[in-house]
Amino acid sequence: MEVVFCMSIFENFEAKLRAESKSIVFTEGTDARILSAASRLLAGKTLRVILLGEPDAVRKAAADAGFDITGAEILNPAAYEGFDEMVAKMVELRKGKMTEEQCRAALSKSNYFGTMLVKMGKADCLLGGATYSTADTVRPALQLIKCKPGIKSVSSCFILMRGEESIAMGDCAINIDPSEDEIVESTVETAHTAQIFGIDPRVALLSYSTKGSGKGETVDKMRNATIRVQEAHPELKVDGELQFDAAVAPEVGQLKAPGSQVAGYANTFIFPNINAGNIGYKIAQRLGGFEAYGPILQGLNAPINDLSRGCNAEEVYKMALITAALI
């Protein structure tokens, strides 16, 4: 597996962001975990911070928890001066799908309001989901930010770190049963995300079969996706379909897939569906002792990321660095 120095990754992100003066919007401005991360970002002059919520309530929550948020911009959707302009822009974006009344109601909620701040260039990126579902973060992003040119689907990646090891896993949070096309896109996007974290990706498309040892629709899907990625991106080290042991154990990988650049040495893993991916990364996290960061959303026109509702303040801070570093 690729060896990287985990602390230096975040230190590098901090240094990069201090030099770029980017802004991040947090959709849950009164949450203590958000306020803790915001105070660290402000103190380190790492990012400009936008907190959503009623200003007095946000300041009181920060004071009560002992966090200094001096310098943060606090925006209340209900009192935002540019709200009508924002509504008009959303009506244009959702033409034929949402009425003005529906857009106005949606923008009264922080997830839609924050996403439109990014869409309109008022913020560079967004981090949310400390108190609501992944769907509530992803839905506004899909409707308003939309996918990058040439990309048809959003996927996700987790970066897992343990000591000096770093690996990437996708898609573990977004696509329930991805099509072959979606697997191709998520493979390429996950490889690119891995590179941001200093990983030289060796990508294994995982299955219960290695090189035709098993049969089935998902085997075919992973094998065909592998071939398509290899043809379209010869610069990437990609192989599949591979069982997990063939992907990570050299003695197994080189026996079952002799000469492969990936088999036995993979550090980036693509799962056939969300069941396998979600279970796989949580096994690595809970039994393998890895720290998991994500889901990192991939394929969007701007960085929008989702927090786990069980996250702590340290995870919020690091996810904020990750989100802004993707700009």
Protein backbone atom coordinates (compact mmCIF):
# COMPACT_ATOMS: atom_id res chain seq x y z
CA MET A 1 0.00 0.00 0.00
CA GLU A 2 1.10 3.57 -0.69
CA VAL A 3 2.84 5.15 2.28
CA VAL A 4 2.04 8.78 3.02
CA PHE A 5 2.47 10.90 6.11
CA CYS A 6 -1.03 11.65 7.32
CA MET A 7 -0.27 14.71 9.42
CA SER A 8 1.68 16.36 6.60
CA ILE A 9 -1.33 16.00 4.32
CA PHE A 10 -3.43 18.26 6.51
CA GLU A 11 -0.51 20.58 7.16
CA ASN A 12 -0.05 20.88 3.41
CA PHE A 13 -3.75 21.61 2.99
CA GLU A 14 -3.52 24.32 5.66
CA ALA A 15 -0.52 25.96 3.99
CA LYS A 16 -2.16 25.80 0.56
CA LEU A 17 -5.39 27.33 1.81
CA ARG A 18 -3.71 30.13 3.76
CA ALA A 19 -2.16 31.25 0.49
CA GLU A 20 -5.43 31.15 -1.47
CA SER A 21 -8.01 32.96 0.73
CA LYS A 22 -10.92 30.65 0.00
CA SER A 23 -14.29 30.70 1.76
CA ILE A 24 -16.37 27.85 3.15
CA VAL A 25 -20.02 27.91 4.16
CA PHE A 26 -21.23 25.78 7.06
CA THR A 27 -24.95 25.11 6.94
CA GLU A 28 -25.38 24.42 10.67
CA GLY A 29 -24.05 27.55 12.33
CA THR A 30 -25.17 26.84 15.89
CA ASP A 31 -23.74 23.31 16.13
CA ALA A 32 -20.88 23.17 18.66
CA ARG A 33 -18.78 20.91 16.41
CA ILE A 34 -19.11 23.36 13.53
CA LEU A 35 -18.26 26.30 15.80
CA SER A 36 -15.17 24.51 17.10
CA ALA A 37 -13.91 23.89 13.55
CA ALA A 38 -14.82 27.43 12.50
CA SER A 39 -12.86 28.95 15.38
CA ARG A 40 -9.76 26.92 14.43
CA LEU A 41 -10.01 27.91 10.78
CA LEU A 42 -10.38 31.57 11.71
CA ALA A 43 -7.57 31.50 14.27
CA GLY A 44 -5.23 29.92 11.75
CA LYS A 45 -6.35 32.25 8.96
CA THR A 46 -6.85 29.11 6.91
CA LEU A 47 -10.27 29.85 5.42
CA ARG A 48 -12.84 32.60 5.41
CA VAL A 49 -15.87 31.23 7.25
CA ILE A 50 -19.58 31.73 6.55
CA LEU A 51 -21.96 30.40 9.21
CA LEU A 52 -25.67 30.05 8.49
CA GLY A 53 -28.24 30.82 11.16
CA GLU A 54 -29.81 33.61 13.15
CA PRO A 55 -26.82 35.80 14.12
CA ASP A 56 -27.67 36.22 17.82
CA ALA A 57 -28.28 32.49 18.18
CA VAL A 58 -24.99 31.64 16.44
CA ARG A 59 -23.00 34.09 18.59
CA LYS A 60 -24.68 32.85 21.79
CA ALA A 61 -23.94 29.21 20.90
CA ALA A 62 -20.30 30.10 20.27
CA ALA A 63 -20.00 32.09 23.50
CA ASP A 64 -21.67 29.37 25.55
CA ALA A 65 -19.26 26.76 24.16
CA GLY A 66 -16.23 29.04 24.54
CA PHE A 67 -15.40 29.43 20.84
CA ASP A 68 -14.12 32.64 19.30
CA ILE A 69 -15.72 33.15 15.90
CA THR A 70 -14.53 36.72 15.42
CA GLY A 71 -14.22 37.36 11.70
CA ALA A 72 -16.89 34.86 10.64
CA GLU A 73 -19.66 36.07 8.36
CA ILE A 74 -23.04 35.02 9.74
CA LEU A 75 -25.93 34.88 7.30
CA ASN A 76 -29.59 34.33 8.11
CA PRO A 77 -31.58 33.14 5.08
CA ALA A 78 -34.68 34.87 6.45
CA ALA A 79 -32.94 38.27 6.49
CA TYR A 80 -30.58 37.96 3.53
CA GLU A 81 -30.60 41.13 1.40
CA GLY A 82 -30.03 39.25 -1.83
CA PHE A 83 -32.76 36.68 -1.18
CA ASP A 84 -35.03 37.75 -4.06
CA GLU A 85 -32.10 37.64 -6.48
CA MET A 86 -31.27 34.17 -5.19
CA VAL A 87 -34.86 33.01 -5.67
CA ALA A 88 -34.87 34.30 -9.25
CA LYS A 89 -31.63 32.46 -10.00
CA MET A 90 -32.97 29.21 -8.56
CA VAL A 91 -36.19 29.54 -10.55
CA GLU A 92 -34.04 29.88 -13.67
CA LEU A 93 -31.96 26.82 -12.73
CA ARG A 94 -35.05 24.74 -11.88
CA LYS A 95 -37.16 26.01 -14.76
CA GLY A 96 -40.18 23.78 -15.26
CA LYS A 97 -39.33 21.71 -12.18
CA MET A 98 -39.93 24.09 -9.28
CA THR A 99 -42.19 27.12 -8.99
CA GLU A 100 -41.06 30.43 -7.50
CA GLU A 101 -42.99 29.60 -4.34
CA GLN A 102 -41.26 26.22 -4.08
CA CYS A 103 -37.84 27.81 -4.65
CA ARG A 104 -38.52 30.44 -2.00
CA ALA A 105 -39.51 27.72 0.49
CA ALA A 106 -36.44 25.62 -0.33
CA LEU A 107 -34.08 28.59 0.06
CA SER A 108 -35.41 29.26 3.53
CA LYS A 109 -33.56 26.08 4.50
CA SER A 110 -29.84 26.30 5.10
CA ASN A 111 -28.87 23.40 2.82
CA TYR A 112 -30.42 25.02 -0.27
CA PHE A 113 -29.44 28.55 0.79
CA GLY A 114 -25.80 27.52 1.34
CA THR A 115 -25.65 25.65 -1.95
CA MET A 116 -26.93 28.73 -3.80
CA LEU A 117 -24.25 30.85 -2.13
CA VAL A 118 -21.70 28.56 -3.79
CA LYS A 119 -23.57 28.55 -7.10
CA MET A 120 -23.66 32.36 -7.17
CA GLY A 121 -19.99 32.71 -6.28
CA LYS A 122 -20.61 34.07 -2.76
CA ALA A 123 -18.70 31.11 -1.27
CA ASP A 124 -16.15 28.70 -2.71
CA CYS A 125 -17.33 25.48 -1.09
CA LEU A 126 -19.82 24.02 1.40
CA LEU A 127 -19.76 21.52 4.24
CA GLY A 128 -22.98 20.31 5.83
CA GLY A 129 -24.81 17.31 7.17
CA ALA A 130 -23.81 17.35 10.85
CA THR A 131 -27.50 17.18 11.74
CA TYR A 132 -29.22 16.00 8.57
CA SER A 133 -28.96 13.22 5.99
CA THR A 134 -26.56 12.78 3.09
CA ALA A 135 -29.53 13.10 0.73
CA ASP A 136 -30.26 16.57 2.10
CA THR A 137 -26.73 17.64 1.14
CA VAL A 138 -26.56 15.86 -2.20
CA ARG A 139 -29.99 16.80 -3.53
CA PRO A 140 -29.42 20.60 -3.62
CA ALA A 141 -25.95 20.03 -5.05
CA LEU A 142 -27.31 17.91 -7.89
CA GLN A 143 -30.11 20.37 -8.62
CA LEU A 144 -28.08 23.58 -8.43
CA ILE A 145 -24.32 22.92 -8.72
CA LYS A 146 -24.74 19.98 -11.11
CA CYS A 147 -22.05 17.74 -12.56
CA LYS A 148 -18.80 18.79 -14.17
CA PRO A 149 -18.71 18.82 -17.99
CA GLY A 150 -18.36 15.28 -19.29
CA ILE A 151 -19.54 13.75 -16.01
CA LYS A 152 -23.05 12.33 -15.73
CA SER A 153 -23.12 11.07 -12.15
CA VAL A 154 -21.96 12.04 -8.68
CA SER A 155 -20.02 9.47 -6.68
CA SER A 156 -18.20 9.40 -3.37
CA CYS A 157 -14.86 8.41 -1.94
CA PHE A 158 -13.55 7.79 1.56
CA ILE A 159 -9.91 8.37 2.40
CA LEU A 160 -8.78 6.03 5.17
CA MET A 161 -5.62 6.68 7.17
CA ARG A 162 -3.79 4.50 9.67
CA GLY A 163 -0.41 5.62 10.88
CA GLU A 164 1.55 6.21 7.70
CA GLU A 165 -0.83 4.29 5.42
CA SER A 166 -3.45 5.95 3.25
CA ILE A 167 -5.99 4.25 1.01
CA ALA A 168 -9.05 5.33 -0.98
CA MET A 169 -12.41 3.56 -1.27
CA GLY A 170 -15.34 4.37 -3.55
CA ASP A 171 -18.28 4.48 -3.93
CA CYS A 172 -19.39 3.83 -0.37
CA ALA A 173 -22.18 6.37 0.14
CA ILE A 174 -24.02 7.62 -2.96
CA ASN A 175 -24.89 5.14 -5.72
CA ILE A 176 -26.83 2.13 -4.45
CA ASP A 177 -26.29 -0.14 -7.44
CA PRO A 178 -24.11 1.76 -9.91
CA SER A 179 -24.28 0.97 -13.59
CA GLU A 180 -21.21 0.10 -15.61
CA ASP A 181 -21.07 3.73 -16.81
CA GLU A 182 -21.22 4.98 -13.21
CA ILE A 183 -18.48 2.56 -12.15
CA VAL A 184 -16.25 3.90 -14.94
CA GLU A 185 -16.80 7.50 -13.84
CA SER A 186 -16.37 6.80 -10.12
CA THR A 187 -13.16 4.83 -10.80
CA VAL A 188 -11.55 7.77 -12.59
CA GLU A 189 -12.81 10.33 -10.06
CA THR A 190 -11.67 8.23 -7.09
CA ALA A 191 -8.20 7.87 -8.63
CA HIS A 192 -8.02 11.65 -8.99
CA THR A 193 -9.17 12.17 -5.38
CA ALA A 194 -6.50 9.72 -4.20
CA GLN A 195 -3.86 11.77 -6.01
CA ILE A 196 -4.91 14.90 -4.08
CA PHE A 197 -4.00 13.00 -0.92
CA GLY A 198 -0.56 12.08 -2.18
CA ILE A 199 -1.53 8.55 -3.16
CA ASP A 200 -0.14 7.14 -6.40
CA PRO A 201 -3.33 5.21 -7.18
CA ARG A 202 -3.21 1.53 -7.96
CA VAL A 203 -6.89 0.91 -8.52
CA ALA A 204 -8.60 -2.44 -8.00
CA LEU A 205 -12.17 -2.95 -9.20
CA LEU A 206 -13.41 -5.46 -6.65
CA SER A 207 -15.62 -8.52 -7.04
CA TYR A 208 -16.16 -12.01 -5.71
CA SER A 209 -14.28 -13.14 -8.82
CA THR A 210 -10.71 -12.70 -10.04
CA LYS A 211 -10.14 -12.70 -13.79
CA GLY A 212 -13.14 -14.87 -14.61
CA SER A 213 -12.98 -17.29 -11.67
CA GLY A 214 -16.64 -16.49 -10.93
CA LYS A 215 -19.66 -15.68 -13.03
CA GLY A 216 -22.47 -13.17 -12.71
CA GLU A 217 -23.78 -9.76 -13.75
CA THR A 218 -21.71 -7.83 -11.21
CA VAL A 219 -18.58 -9.70 -12.30
CA ASP A 220 -19.25 -8.69 -15.89
CA LYS A 221 -19.92 -5.11 -14.80
CA MET A 222 -16.61 -4.77 -12.99
CA ARG A 223 -14.62 -6.53 -15.73
CA ASN A 224 -16.15 -4.41 -18.49
CA ALA A 225 -15.68 -1.20 -16.50
CA THR A 226 -12.01 -2.10 -15.97
CA ILE A 227 -11.44 -2.51 -19.69
CA ARG A 228 -13.13 0.80 -20.47
CA VAL A 229 -11.08 2.71 -17.88
CA GLN A 230 -7.85 1.11 -19.08
CA GLU A 231 -8.62 2.09 -22.67
CA ALA A 232 -9.71 5.66 -21.84
CA HIS A 233 -7.04 6.36 -19.21
CA PRO A 234 -3.86 4.40 -19.99
CA GLU A 235 -2.00 6.70 -17.58
CA LEU A 236 -3.82 5.10 -14.62
CA LYS A 237 -2.85 1.79 -13.01
CA VAL A 238 -6.17 -0.06 -12.97
CA ASP A 239 -7.04 -3.76 -12.88
CA GLY A 240 -10.08 -5.93 -12.29
CA GLU A 241 -12.12 -7.76 -11.64
CA LEU A 242 -10.20 -8.73 -8.47
CA GLN A 243 -11.14 -10.34 -5.20
CA PHE A 244 -9.95 -8.36 -2.20
CA ASP A 245 -7.19 -10.80 -1.28
CA ALA A 246 -5.92 -10.74 -4.86
CA ALA A 247 -5.95 -6.95 -4.69
CA VAL A 248 -3.87 -6.58 -1.50
CA ALA A 249 -1.83 -9.77 -0.97
CA PRO A 250 1.13 -10.02 -3.41
CA GLU A 251 1.35 -13.81 -3.16
CA VAL A 252 -2.34 -14.15 -4.09
CA GLY A 253 -2.50 -11.31 -6.60
CA GLN A 254 0.51 -12.35 -8.62
CA LEU A 255 -0.68 -15.96 -8.63
CA LYS A 256 -4.15 -15.09 -9.91
CA ALA A 257 -3.17 -12.10 -12.09
CA PRO A 258 0.51 -12.54 -12.96
CA GLY A 259 2.24 -9.41 -14.21
CA SER A 260 -0.48 -7.04 -13.02
CA GLN A 261 0.68 -3.61 -11.80
CA VAL A 262 -2.21 -3.60 -9.32
CA ALA A 263 -2.91 -7.14 -8.11
CA GLY A 264 -1.36 -7.56 -4.66
CA TYR A 265 -0.46 -3.88 -4.36
CA ALA A 266 -3.75 -1.98 -4.64
CA ASN A 267 -4.32 1.14 -2.55
CA THR A 268 -7.50 2.42 -4.21
CA PHE A 269 -10.58 0.21 -4.19
CA ILE A 270 -13.79 0.42 -6.24
CA PHE A 271 -16.76 -1.55 -4.93
CA PRO A 272 -19.52 -3.02 -7.12
CA ASN A 273 -22.35 -1.52 -5.03
CA ILE A 274 -23.09 0.52 -1.93
CA ASN A 275 -23.64 -2.57 0.24
CA ALA A 276 -20.11 -3.81 -0.33
CA GLY A 277 -18.59 -0.32 -0.17
CA ASN A 278 -20.30 0.89 2.98
CA ILE A 279 -19.64 -2.37 4.83
CA GLY A 280 -16.06 -2.50 3.54
CA TYR A 281 -14.97 0.95 4.67
CA LYS A 282 -16.62 0.53 8.07
CA ILE A 283 -14.85 -2.79 8.62
CA ALA A 284 -11.56 -1.05 7.83
CA GLN A 285 -12.48 1.79 10.18
CA ARG A 286 -13.78 -0.21 13.13
CA LEU A 287 -11.68 -3.39 12.98
CA GLY A 288 -8.68 -2.18 10.99
CA GLY A 289 -8.06 0.95 13.02
CA PHE A 290 -8.26 3.34 10.07
CA GLU A 291 -9.51 6.91 10.41
CA ALA A 292 -12.15 7.50 7.73
CA TYR A 293 -12.65 10.87 6.05
CA GLY A 294 -15.68 11.34 3.87
CA PRO A 295 -17.85 10.86 2.02
CA ILE A 296 -15.97 13.14 -0.36
CA LEU A 297 -18.39 13.94 -3.17
CA GLN A 298 -16.97 13.61 -6.68
CA GLY A 299 -18.07 14.88 -10.06
CA LEU A 300 -19.69 18.15 -8.98
CA ASN A 301 -18.93 21.57 -10.45
CA ALA A 302 -17.93 22.86 -7.01
CA PRO A 303 -16.84 21.20 -3.76
CA ILE A 304 -19.87 20.24 -1.65
CA ASN A 305 -19.29 17.70 1.09
CA ASP A 306 -21.33 15.83 3.64
CA LEU A 307 -20.58 15.11 7.28
CA SER A 308 -21.57 12.08 9.27
CA ARG A 309 -24.14 12.94 11.91
CA GLY A 310 -21.87 11.14 14.37
CA CYS A 311 -18.87 13.31 13.51
CA ASN A 312 -16.75 15.10 16.09
CA ALA A 313 -15.18 18.57 15.94
CA GLU A 314 -11.82 17.23 14.73
CA GLU A 315 -13.50 15.44 11.83
CA VAL A 316 -15.40 18.61 10.91
CA TYR A 317 -12.15 20.59 10.85
CA LYS A 318 -10.35 18.06 8.67
CA MET A 319 -13.34 17.68 6.32
CA ALA A 320 -13.38 21.47 5.95
CA LEU A 321 -9.71 21.37 4.89
CA ILE A 322 -10.43 18.51 2.49
CA THR A 323 -13.44 20.27 0.97
CA ALA A 324 -11.59 23.51 0.36
CA ALA A 325 -8.49 21.70 -0.93
CA LEU A 326 -10.64 20.22 -3.72
CA ILE A 327 -11.23 23.66 -5.23
